[in-house]
Amino acid sequence: MLPGVTDAPPPPRPARRAWWRRVQRLPLSMMVASVLAALGIVQLSFQLGHMLYRSATWSAETRQALVRVAALEEDARVLQDAIRAANDPAYLEQLARCRGYVGKTEKVVVSSDAPPPRLPGENCKALRVP
């Protein structure tokens, strides 16, 4: 037998240093690459989440804007119709009748069964003007 060689197991190593020795065996570049890859994955996850959030909010804002544009186009159409009708004698006569005016040669006949007007002097349905 060789001197100093025994069948006995080696003495136990301190537990604190065991993990550090395993880390020291790894190449430094591999550790740096792993840390950078982990940071890249975290950043990519954040960017994807942020992109999904922005996409959802952009879609909602686009829908709201389209509804608003449609309402404004309808208002513009109503105003253009009112401008065109302001010079039409038949339309002006109709407005006067709604206010309760009658022609010089006409007679006013009121039914006893007629419902009262909603507002005094208002005989017609009011047109909403924006």
Protein backbone atom coordinates (compact mmCIF):
# COMPACT_ATOMS: atom_id res chain seq x y z
CA MET A 1 0.00 0.00 0.00
CA LEU A 2 1.00 3.56 -0.67
CA PRO A 3 1.87 5.75 2.23
CA GLY A 4 -0.86 8.32 3.09
CA VAL A 5 -3.57 6.52 1.07
CA THR A 6 -6.43 5.16 3.08
CA ASP A 7 -9.84 3.73 2.38
CA ALA A 8 -11.43 6.24 4.69
CA PRO A 9 -13.64 8.90 3.07
CA PRO A 10 -12.18 12.38 2.80
CA PRO A 11 -13.05 14.87 5.52
CA PRO A 12 -16.27 16.84 4.86
CA ARG A 13 -15.83 20.27 3.27
CA PRO A 14 -17.38 23.38 4.77
CA ALA A 15 -20.88 23.85 3.35
CA ARG A 16 -20.50 27.61 2.87
CA ARG A 17 -17.71 27.33 0.34
CA ALA A 18 -19.19 24.50 -1.72
CA TRP A 19 -21.53 26.66 -3.83
CA TRP A 20 -18.87 29.29 -4.33
CA ARG A 21 -16.45 26.73 -5.71
CA ARG A 22 -19.08 25.48 -8.13
CA VAL A 23 -19.67 29.04 -9.32
CA GLN A 24 -15.96 29.61 -9.69
CA ARG A 25 -15.71 26.63 -12.01
CA LEU A 26 -18.17 28.20 -14.51
CA PRO A 27 -16.66 30.51 -17.08
CA LEU A 28 -17.32 34.18 -16.40
CA SER A 29 -18.54 34.84 -19.94
CA MET A 30 -21.22 32.15 -19.57
CA MET A 31 -22.52 33.77 -16.38
CA VAL A 32 -22.60 37.23 -17.97
CA ALA A 33 -24.39 35.86 -21.05
CA SER A 34 -26.97 34.15 -18.84
CA VAL A 35 -27.66 37.32 -16.87
CA LEU A 36 -27.98 39.36 -20.07
CA ALA A 37 -30.31 36.77 -21.59
CA ALA A 38 -32.50 36.88 -18.48
CA LEU A 39 -32.62 40.68 -18.61
CA GLY A 40 -33.48 40.51 -22.31
CA ILE A 41 -36.36 38.14 -21.62
CA VAL A 42 -37.69 40.46 -18.92
CA GLN A 43 -37.44 43.47 -21.22
CA LEU A 44 -39.09 41.62 -24.10
CA SER A 45 -41.96 40.55 -21.86
CA PHE A 46 -42.46 44.12 -20.68
CA GLN A 47 -42.37 45.47 -24.24
CA LEU A 48 -44.90 42.89 -25.46
CA GLY A 49 -47.25 43.69 -22.58
CA HIS A 50 -46.90 47.42 -23.21
CA MET A 51 -47.55 46.91 -26.93
CA LEU A 52 -50.74 44.95 -26.20
CA TYR A 53 -51.93 47.63 -23.79
CA ARG A 54 -51.27 50.43 -26.30
CA SER A 55 -52.98 48.47 -29.06
CA ALA A 56 -56.11 47.98 -26.95
CA THR A 57 -56.28 51.63 -25.88
CA TRP A 58 -55.60 52.83 -29.43
CA SER A 59 -58.44 50.69 -30.77
CA ALA A 60 -60.85 52.03 -28.16
CA GLU A 61 -59.83 55.64 -28.84
CA THR A 62 -60.19 55.08 -32.59
CA ARG A 63 -63.73 53.75 -32.14
CA GLN A 64 -64.63 56.77 -29.98
CA ALA A 65 -63.18 59.15 -32.55
CA LEU A 66 -65.12 57.50 -35.38
CA VAL A 67 -68.37 57.81 -33.42
CA ARG A 68 -67.61 61.47 -32.72
CA VAL A 69 -66.79 62.13 -36.40
CA ALA A 70 -70.07 60.50 -37.48
CA ALA A 71 -72.01 62.69 -35.01
CA LEU A 72 -70.23 65.83 -36.23
CA GLU A 73 -70.93 64.93 -39.88
CA GLU A 74 -74.62 64.50 -39.02
CA ASP A 75 -74.60 67.89 -37.27
CA ALA A 76 -72.97 69.47 -40.33
CA ARG A 77 -75.60 67.92 -42.59
CA VAL A 78 -78.43 69.24 -40.39
CA LEU A 79 -76.90 72.72 -40.38
CA GLN A 80 -76.44 72.68 -44.17
CA ASP A 81 -80.08 71.64 -44.58
CA ALA A 82 -81.12 74.49 -42.27
CA ILE A 83 -79.04 76.98 -44.30
CA ARG A 84 -80.59 75.75 -47.56
CA ALA A 85 -84.09 75.83 -46.05
CA ALA A 86 -83.65 79.35 -44.61
CA ASN A 87 -84.13 80.83 -48.10
CA ASP A 88 -87.06 78.57 -49.04
CA PRO A 89 -90.44 80.39 -48.74
CA ALA A 90 -92.34 77.13 -48.12
CA TYR A 91 -90.04 76.23 -45.22
CA LEU A 92 -90.34 79.72 -43.71
CA GLU A 93 -94.12 79.50 -43.99
CA GLN A 94 -94.04 76.12 -42.23
CA LEU A 95 -91.92 77.60 -39.41
CA ALA A 96 -94.36 80.47 -39.04
CA ARG A 97 -97.29 78.03 -38.81
CA CYS A 98 -95.43 76.07 -36.13
CA ARG A 99 -95.16 79.27 -34.12
CA GLY A 100 -98.88 79.83 -34.42
CA TYR A 101 -99.02 82.45 -37.21
CA VAL A 102 -101.73 82.25 -39.86
CA GLY A 103 -102.16 83.92 -43.23
CA LYS A 104 -104.26 87.07 -43.69
CA THR A 105 -106.97 85.22 -45.58
CA GLU A 106 -107.04 82.12 -43.37
CA LYS A 107 -109.35 81.28 -40.48
CA VAL A 108 -108.17 79.63 -37.27
CA VAL A 109 -110.22 76.55 -36.36
CA VAL A 110 -109.44 74.86 -33.06
CA SER A 111 -110.91 71.50 -32.16
CA SER A 112 -112.28 71.10 -28.69
CA ASP A 113 -110.68 67.63 -28.56
CA ALA A 114 -107.21 68.84 -29.54
CA PRO A 115 -104.43 68.08 -27.04
CA PRO A 116 -102.68 71.12 -25.61
CA PRO A 117 -99.32 71.96 -27.19
CA ARG A 118 -96.20 70.91 -25.31
CA LEU A 119 -94.97 74.47 -25.07
CA PRO A 120 -96.98 77.66 -25.51
CA GLY A 121 -96.86 78.64 -29.18
CA GLU A 122 -95.24 75.34 -30.19
CA ASN A 123 -97.43 73.32 -32.56
CA CYS A 124 -94.77 71.30 -34.39
CA LYS A 125 -92.00 68.93 -33.47
CA ALA A 126 -88.81 70.84 -32.74
CA LEU A 127 -85.79 70.10 -34.91
CA ARG A 128 -82.57 69.70 -33.02
CA VAL A 129 -79.92 72.07 -34.32
CA PRO A 130 -76.37 71.43 -33.11
